[in-house]
């Protein structure tokens, strides 16, 4: 993977299809996993112009995890981040990236009383009807109040029924609240990276 440093040649020298990573405070293991596929990985600052990224026709966009209040981060770059809706290829978000994607589509976020921390959190996958054991580290969640009709809930916490995953209807965009990249595990949700790459190949 490469860190974008701001010069035009950084993108001009990309020879093969790349995945654009929007960095809100990314974990290195996410980059290790994304880098294990046959795509270049280019990491952009969270406030880098989305229009410039889309103009370079990436294979997909990844919205990273990160610390802090998702609404405060989103409001800082709202106009720019909202341009992600114009992208026609796959988008995948994790944790803060999940909250940002939800906010782009007019969902609400709310602060939790205690938050979800640590390993062995059970998550219900509504698509497979299976339970995944996950690692979590967040103090905010996407609210069920005024939940947008153009989003669909795909995963839910079995601890408190909070939203743990969403997808955008009629778009190859999806995200989860937890950490499928966790190391050494559990790795029940590692398939989400494969799902992202499969969407890219089918785009």
C-alpha atoms as a PDB file:
ATOM      1  CA  UNK A   1       0.000   0.000   0.000  1.00  0.00           C
ATOM      2  CA  UNK A   2       1.022   3.610  -0.572  1.00  0.00           C
ATOM      3  CA  UNK A   3       0.323   6.777   1.364  1.00  0.00           C
ATOM      4  CA  UNK A   4      -0.791   9.615  -0.887  1.00  0.00           C
ATOM      5  CA  UNK A   5       1.532  12.569  -0.332  1.00  0.00           C
ATOM      6  CA  UNK A   6      -0.258  15.184  -2.380  1.00  0.00           C
ATOM      7  CA  UNK A   7       1.732  15.277  -5.604  1.00  0.00           C
ATOM      8  CA  UNK A   8      -0.015  14.634  -8.904  1.00  0.00           C
ATOM      9  CA  UNK A   9       2.530  11.991  -9.875  1.00  0.00           C
ATOM     10  CA  UNK A  10       1.530   9.825  -6.908  1.00  0.00           C
ATOM     11  CA  UNK A  11      -1.630   8.906  -8.819  1.00  0.00           C
ATOM     12  CA  UNK A  12      -0.218   9.155 -12.338  1.00  0.00           C
ATOM     13  CA  UNK A  13       2.314   6.432 -11.510  1.00  0.00           C
ATOM     14  CA  UNK A  14      -0.336   3.908 -10.509  1.00  0.00           C
ATOM     15  CA  UNK A  15      -0.091   1.230 -13.179  1.00  0.00           C
ATOM     16  CA  UNK A  16      -2.909  -1.088 -12.173  1.00  0.00           C
ATOM     17  CA  UNK A  17      -6.369  -0.866 -10.685  1.00  0.00           C
ATOM     18  CA  UNK A  18      -6.335   0.536  -7.148  1.00  0.00           C
ATOM     19  CA  UNK A  19      -8.539   0.709  -4.089  1.00  0.00           C
ATOM     20  CA  UNK A  20      -8.792   4.175  -2.532  1.00  0.00           C
ATOM     21  CA  UNK A  21      -8.649   4.082   1.264  1.00  0.00           C
ATOM     22  CA  UNK A  22     -10.033   7.119   3.112  1.00  0.00           C
ATOM     23  CA  UNK A  23      -8.024   7.345   6.317  1.00  0.00           C
ATOM     24  CA  UNK A  24      -9.889   8.396   9.463  1.00  0.00           C
ATOM     25  CA  UNK A  25      -7.302   6.633  11.663  1.00  0.00           C
ATOM     26  CA  UNK A  26      -6.840   3.266  10.005  1.00  0.00           C
ATOM     27  CA  UNK A  27      -5.550   0.070  11.591  1.00  0.00           C
ATOM     28  CA  UNK A  28      -2.517  -1.367   9.848  1.00  0.00           C
ATOM     29  CA  UNK A  29      -4.009  -4.869   9.631  1.00  0.00           C
ATOM     30  CA  UNK A  30      -6.804  -3.539   7.423  1.00  0.00           C
ATOM     31  CA  UNK A  31      -4.154  -2.351   4.983  1.00  0.00           C
ATOM     32  CA  UNK A  32      -2.362  -5.694   5.244  1.00  0.00           C
ATOM     33  CA  UNK A  33      -5.554  -7.554   4.330  1.00  0.00           C
ATOM     34  CA  UNK A  34      -6.535  -5.210   1.494  1.00  0.00           C
ATOM     35  CA  UNK A  35      -2.968  -5.375   0.209  1.00  0.00           C
ATOM     36  CA  UNK A  36      -3.152  -9.173  -0.008  1.00  0.00           C
ATOM     37  CA  UNK A  37      -5.473  -8.881  -3.002  1.00  0.00           C
ATOM     38  CA  UNK A  38      -4.370  -8.052  -6.554  1.00  0.00           C
ATOM     39  CA  UNK A  39      -4.972  -4.307  -6.281  1.00  0.00           C
ATOM     40  CA  UNK A  40      -2.781  -1.362  -5.443  1.00  0.00           C
ATOM     41  CA  UNK A  41      -3.867   0.290  -2.203  1.00  0.00           C
ATOM     42  CA  UNK A  42      -3.590   4.081  -1.963  1.00  0.00           C
ATOM     43  CA  UNK A  43      -4.353   5.755   1.361  1.00  0.00           C
ATOM     44  CA  UNK A  44      -5.776   9.287   1.248  1.00  0.00           C
ATOM     45  CA  UNK A  45      -6.281  11.787   4.101  1.00  0.00           C
ATOM     46  CA  UNK A  46      -9.911  11.950   5.198  1.00  0.00           C
ATOM     47  CA  UNK A  47     -10.228  15.513   3.868  1.00  0.00           C
ATOM     48  CA  UNK A  48      -8.720  14.860   0.425  1.00  0.00           C
ATOM     49  CA  UNK A  49     -11.122  15.850  -2.408  1.00  0.00           C
ATOM     50  CA  UNK A  50     -13.343  12.870  -3.197  1.00  0.00           C
ATOM     51  CA  UNK A  51     -13.937  14.275  -6.677  1.00  0.00           C
ATOM     52  CA  UNK A  52     -10.234  13.877  -7.488  1.00  0.00           C
ATOM     53  CA  UNK A  53     -10.296  10.272  -6.295  1.00  0.00           C
ATOM     54  CA  UNK A  54     -13.378   9.401  -8.339  1.00  0.00           C
ATOM     55  CA  UNK A  55     -11.834  11.034 -11.416  1.00  0.00           C
ATOM     56  CA  UNK A  56      -8.965   8.529 -11.156  1.00  0.00           C
ATOM     57  CA  UNK A  57     -11.512   5.699 -11.422  1.00  0.00           C
ATOM     58  CA  UNK A  58     -10.528   3.502  -8.464  1.00  0.00           C
ATOM     59  CA  UNK A  59     -11.811  -0.070  -8.344  1.00  0.00           C
ATOM     60  CA  UNK A  60     -13.445   0.672  -4.990  1.00  0.00           C
ATOM     61  CA  UNK A  61     -13.398   3.001  -1.998  1.00  0.00           C
ATOM     62  CA  UNK A  62     -12.753   1.881   1.566  1.00  0.00           C
ATOM     63  CA  UNK A  63     -13.819   4.040   4.533  1.00  0.00           C
ATOM     64  CA  UNK A  64     -11.577   3.298   7.494  1.00  0.00           C
ATOM     65  CA  UNK A  65     -12.136   3.045  11.198  1.00  0.00           C
ATOM     66  CA  UNK A  66     -10.996   5.883  13.453  1.00  0.00           C
ATOM     67  CA  UNK A  67     -11.550   7.613  16.778  1.00  0.00           C
ATOM     68  CA  UNK A  68     -13.965  10.304  17.821  1.00  0.00           C
ATOM     69  CA  UNK A  69     -17.517  11.503  17.275  1.00  0.00           C
ATOM     70  CA  UNK A  70     -18.625  10.429  13.777  1.00  0.00           C
ATOM     71  CA  UNK A  71     -20.964  13.396  13.343  1.00  0.00           C
ATOM     72  CA  UNK A  72     -18.210  15.889  14.196  1.00  0.00           C
ATOM     73  CA  UNK A  73     -15.887  14.232  11.667  1.00  0.00           C
ATOM     74  CA  UNK A  74     -18.606  14.123   9.021  1.00  0.00           C
ATOM     75  CA  UNK A  75     -19.660  17.755   9.545  1.00  0.00           C
ATOM     76  CA  UNK A  76     -16.053  18.881   9.121  1.00  0.00           C
ATOM     77  CA  UNK A  77     -16.027  17.537   5.531  1.00  0.00           C
ATOM     78  CA  UNK A  78     -19.723  16.999   4.857  1.00  0.00           C
ATOM     79  CA  UNK A  79     -19.850  18.482   1.369  1.00  0.00           C
ATOM     80  CA  UNK A  80     -16.759  16.558   0.282  1.00  0.00           C
ATOM     81  CA  UNK A  81     -17.646  13.186   1.830  1.00  0.00           C
ATOM     82  CA  UNK A  82     -21.191  13.342   0.464  1.00  0.00           C
ATOM     83  CA  UNK A  83     -19.722  13.104  -3.054  1.00  0.00           C
ATOM     84  CA  UNK A  84     -19.171   9.412  -2.355  1.00  0.00           C
ATOM     85  CA  UNK A  85     -22.830   9.006  -3.345  1.00  0.00           C
ATOM     86  CA  UNK A  86     -21.758   9.836  -6.915  1.00  0.00           C
ATOM     87  CA  UNK A  87     -19.400   6.833  -7.001  1.00  0.00           C
ATOM     88  CA  UNK A  88     -20.784   3.851  -8.917  1.00  0.00           C
ATOM     89  CA  UNK A  89     -18.369   1.167  -7.795  1.00  0.00           C
ATOM     90  CA  UNK A  90     -18.196  -0.648  -4.423  1.00  0.00           C
ATOM     91  CA  UNK A  91     -17.723   1.140  -1.108  1.00  0.00           C
ATOM     92  CA  UNK A  92     -16.901  -0.683   2.149  1.00  0.00           C
ATOM     93  CA  UNK A  93     -16.737   0.927   5.591  1.00  0.00           C
ATOM     94  CA  UNK A  94     -15.627  -0.312   9.003  1.00  0.00           C
ATOM     95  CA  UNK A  95     -16.518   1.225  12.402  1.00  0.00           C
ATOM     96  CA  UNK A  96     -16.211   5.021  11.955  1.00  0.00           C
ATOM     97  CA  UNK A  97     -16.333   4.396   8.199  1.00  0.00           C
ATOM     98  CA  UNK A  98     -19.649   2.592   8.754  1.00  0.00           C
ATOM     99  CA  UNK A  99     -21.008   5.573  10.657  1.00  0.00           C
ATOM    100  CA  UNK A 100     -19.756   8.015   8.012  1.00  0.00           C
ATOM    101  CA  UNK A 101     -21.424   6.022   5.220  1.00  0.00           C
ATOM    102  CA  UNK A 102     -24.675   6.028   7.192  1.00  0.00           C
ATOM    103  CA  UNK A 103     -24.451   9.786   7.792  1.00  0.00           C
ATOM    104  CA  UNK A 104     -23.875  10.379   4.078  1.00  0.00           C
ATOM    105  CA  UNK A 105     -27.321   8.854   3.544  1.00  0.00           C
ATOM    106  CA  UNK A 106     -28.933  11.000   6.270  1.00  0.00           C
ATOM    107  CA  UNK A 107     -28.937   8.469   9.087  1.00  0.00           C
ATOM    108  CA  UNK A 108     -28.358   9.668  12.661  1.00  0.00           C
ATOM    109  CA  UNK A 109     -25.665   8.614  15.114  1.00  0.00           C
ATOM    110  CA  UNK A 110     -25.877   8.581  18.889  1.00  0.00           C
ATOM    111  CA  UNK A 111     -23.496   8.195  21.811  1.00  0.00           C
ATOM    112  CA  UNK A 112     -23.805   4.931  23.733  1.00  0.00           C
ATOM    113  CA  UNK A 113     -23.998   4.777  27.519  1.00  0.00           C
ATOM    114  CA  UNK A 114     -20.979   2.486  27.855  1.00  0.00           C
ATOM    115  CA  UNK A 115     -20.011   1.483  24.324  1.00  0.00           C
ATOM    116  CA  UNK A 116     -18.966  -1.914  23.019  1.00  0.00           C
ATOM    117  CA  UNK A 117     -15.371  -2.885  23.779  1.00  0.00           C
ATOM    118  CA  UNK A 118     -13.344  -6.060  23.439  1.00  0.00           C
ATOM    119  CA  UNK A 119     -13.759  -9.482  21.852  1.00  0.00           C
ATOM    120  CA  UNK A 120     -16.506 -12.120  21.719  1.00  0.00           C
ATOM    121  CA  UNK A 121     -19.408  -9.868  20.806  1.00  0.00           C
ATOM    122  CA  UNK A 122     -22.161 -11.873  19.051  1.00  0.00           C
ATOM    123  CA  UNK A 123     -23.545 -10.330  15.860  1.00  0.00           C
ATOM    124  CA  UNK A 124     -26.559 -11.595  13.920  1.00  0.00           C
ATOM    125  CA  UNK A 125     -26.122 -11.615  10.147  1.00  0.00           C
ATOM    126  CA  UNK A 126     -29.620 -11.233   8.690  1.00  0.00           C
ATOM    127  CA  UNK A 127     -28.510 -12.369   5.227  1.00  0.00           C
ATOM    128  CA  UNK A 128     -27.135 -15.733   6.346  1.00  0.00           C
ATOM    129  CA  UNK A 129     -29.188 -16.039   9.547  1.00  0.00           C
ATOM    130  CA  UNK A 130     -25.946 -16.943  11.339  1.00  0.00           C
ATOM    131  CA  UNK A 131     -24.223 -15.524  14.403  1.00  0.00           C
ATOM    132  CA  UNK A 132     -20.693 -14.125  14.077  1.00  0.00           C
ATOM    133  CA  UNK A 133     -18.343 -13.603  17.021  1.00  0.00           C
ATOM    134  CA  UNK A 134     -16.647 -10.239  16.626  1.00  0.00           C
ATOM    135  CA  UNK A 135     -14.252  -7.691  18.104  1.00  0.00           C
ATOM    136  CA  UNK A 136     -15.693  -4.253  18.840  1.00  0.00           C
ATOM    137  CA  UNK A 137     -14.394  -0.879  19.992  1.00  0.00           C
ATOM    138  CA  UNK A 138     -16.863   1.978  19.647  1.00  0.00           C
ATOM    139  CA  UNK A 139     -18.778   4.483  21.734  1.00  0.00           C
ATOM    140  CA  UNK A 140     -21.206   5.682  19.042  1.00  0.00           C
ATOM    141  CA  UNK A 141     -23.729   3.780  16.921  1.00  0.00           C
ATOM    142  CA  UNK A 142     -26.039   4.441  13.997  1.00  0.00           C
ATOM    143  CA  UNK A 143     -29.455   5.241  15.441  1.00  0.00           C
ATOM    144  CA  UNK A 144     -32.617   3.333  14.626  1.00  0.00           C
ATOM    145  CA  UNK A 145     -34.539   6.590  14.958  1.00  0.00           C
ATOM    146  CA  UNK A 146     -35.465   8.130  11.595  1.00  0.00           C
ATOM    147  CA  UNK A 147     -33.524   5.364   9.857  1.00  0.00           C
ATOM    148  CA  UNK A 148     -33.386   6.212   6.108  1.00  0.00           C
ATOM    149  CA  UNK A 149     -35.489   4.131   3.723  1.00  0.00           C
ATOM    150  CA  UNK A 150     -32.634   3.876   1.230  1.00  0.00           C
ATOM    151  CA  UNK A 151     -30.544   1.930   3.761  1.00  0.00           C
ATOM    152  CA  UNK A 152     -31.010  -1.651   4.909  1.00  0.00           C
ATOM    153  CA  UNK A 153     -29.872  -3.149   8.227  1.00  0.00           C
ATOM    154  CA  UNK A 154     -27.784  -6.275   7.549  1.00  0.00           C
ATOM    155  CA  UNK A 155     -26.273  -7.009  10.984  1.00  0.00           C
ATOM    156  CA  UNK A 156     -27.378  -6.454  14.573  1.00  0.00           C
ATOM    157  CA  UNK A 157     -25.787  -6.821  18.019  1.00  0.00           C
ATOM    158  CA  UNK A 158     -27.248  -9.660  20.082  1.00  0.00           C
ATOM    159  CA  UNK A 159     -26.253  -7.796  23.247  1.00  0.00           C
ATOM    160  CA  UNK A 160     -28.499  -4.764  22.750  1.00  0.00           C
ATOM    161  CA  UNK A 161     -29.957  -5.033  19.201  1.00  0.00           C
ATOM    162  CA  UNK A 162     -27.975  -1.995  18.066  1.00  0.00           C
ATOM    163  CA  UNK A 163     -27.252  -1.632  14.356  1.00  0.00           C
ATOM    164  CA  UNK A 164     -24.030  -3.449  13.443  1.00  0.00           C
ATOM    165  CA  UNK A 165     -24.134  -3.400   9.645  1.00  0.00           C
ATOM    166  CA  UNK A 166     -25.910  -1.686   6.767  1.00  0.00           C
ATOM    167  CA  UNK A 167     -26.031  -1.650   3.004  1.00  0.00           C
ATOM    168  CA  UNK A 168     -27.252   0.995   0.594  1.00  0.00           C
ATOM    169  CA  UNK A 169     -30.198  -0.120  -1.511  1.00  0.00           C
ATOM    170  CA  UNK A 170     -29.456  -0.251  -5.252  1.00  0.00           C
ATOM    171  CA  UNK A 171     -25.751   0.509  -4.659  1.00  0.00           C
ATOM    172  CA  UNK A 172     -22.748  -1.788  -3.993  1.00  0.00           C
ATOM    173  CA  UNK A 173     -22.111   0.072  -0.710  1.00  0.00           C
ATOM    174  CA  UNK A 174     -21.986  -1.680   2.666  1.00  0.00           C
ATOM    175  CA  UNK A 175     -20.422  -1.276   6.103  1.00  0.00           C
ATOM    176  CA  UNK A 176     -20.136  -2.827   9.556  1.00  0.00           C
ATOM    177  CA  UNK A 177     -19.723  -1.374  13.042  1.00  0.00           C
ATOM    178  CA  UNK A 178     -17.234  -3.986  14.275  1.00  0.00           C
ATOM    179  CA  UNK A 179     -13.705  -5.089  13.287  1.00  0.00           C
ATOM    180  CA  UNK A 180     -13.420  -8.009  10.840  1.00  0.00           C
ATOM    181  CA  UNK A 181      -9.675  -7.307  10.548  1.00  0.00           C
ATOM    182  CA  UNK A 182      -9.047  -8.135  14.219  1.00  0.00           C
ATOM    183  CA  UNK A 183      -5.865 -10.056  14.933  1.00  0.00           C
ATOM    184  CA  UNK A 184      -5.414 -12.719  16.207  1.00  0.00           C
ATOM    185  CA  UNK A 185      -9.182 -13.019  15.895  1.00  0.00           C
ATOM    186  CA  UNK A 186     -11.918 -14.088  16.023  1.00  0.00           C
ATOM    187  CA  UNK A 187     -12.104 -14.111  12.225  1.00  0.00           C
ATOM    188  CA  UNK A 188     -15.777 -15.004  11.715  1.00  0.00           C
ATOM    189  CA  UNK A 189     -16.286 -11.784   9.733  1.00  0.00           C
ATOM    190  CA  UNK A 190     -13.108 -11.815   7.631  1.00  0.00           C
ATOM    191  CA  UNK A 191     -15.310 -12.828   4.668  1.00  0.00           C
ATOM    192  CA  UNK A 192     -16.400  -9.174   4.406  1.00  0.00           C
ATOM    193  CA  UNK A 193     -13.132  -8.325   2.682  1.00  0.00           C
ATOM    194  CA  UNK A 194     -13.741 -11.110   0.160  1.00  0.00           C
ATOM    195  CA  UNK A 195     -17.263  -9.741  -0.315  1.00  0.00           C
ATOM    196  CA  UNK A 196     -15.818  -6.297  -1.080  1.00  0.00           C
ATOM    197  CA  UNK A 197     -13.372  -7.706  -3.633  1.00  0.00           C
ATOM    198  CA  UNK A 198     -16.080  -9.833  -5.245  1.00  0.00           C
ATOM    199  CA  UNK A 199     -18.250  -6.725  -5.659  1.00  0.00           C
ATOM    200  CA  UNK A 200     -15.279  -4.935  -7.222  1.00  0.00           C
ATOM    201  CA  UNK A 201     -14.722  -7.742  -9.721  1.00  0.00           C
ATOM    202  CA  UNK A 202     -18.418  -7.812 -10.623  1.00  0.00           C
ATOM    203  CA  UNK A 203     -18.746  -4.031 -10.920  1.00  0.00           C
END
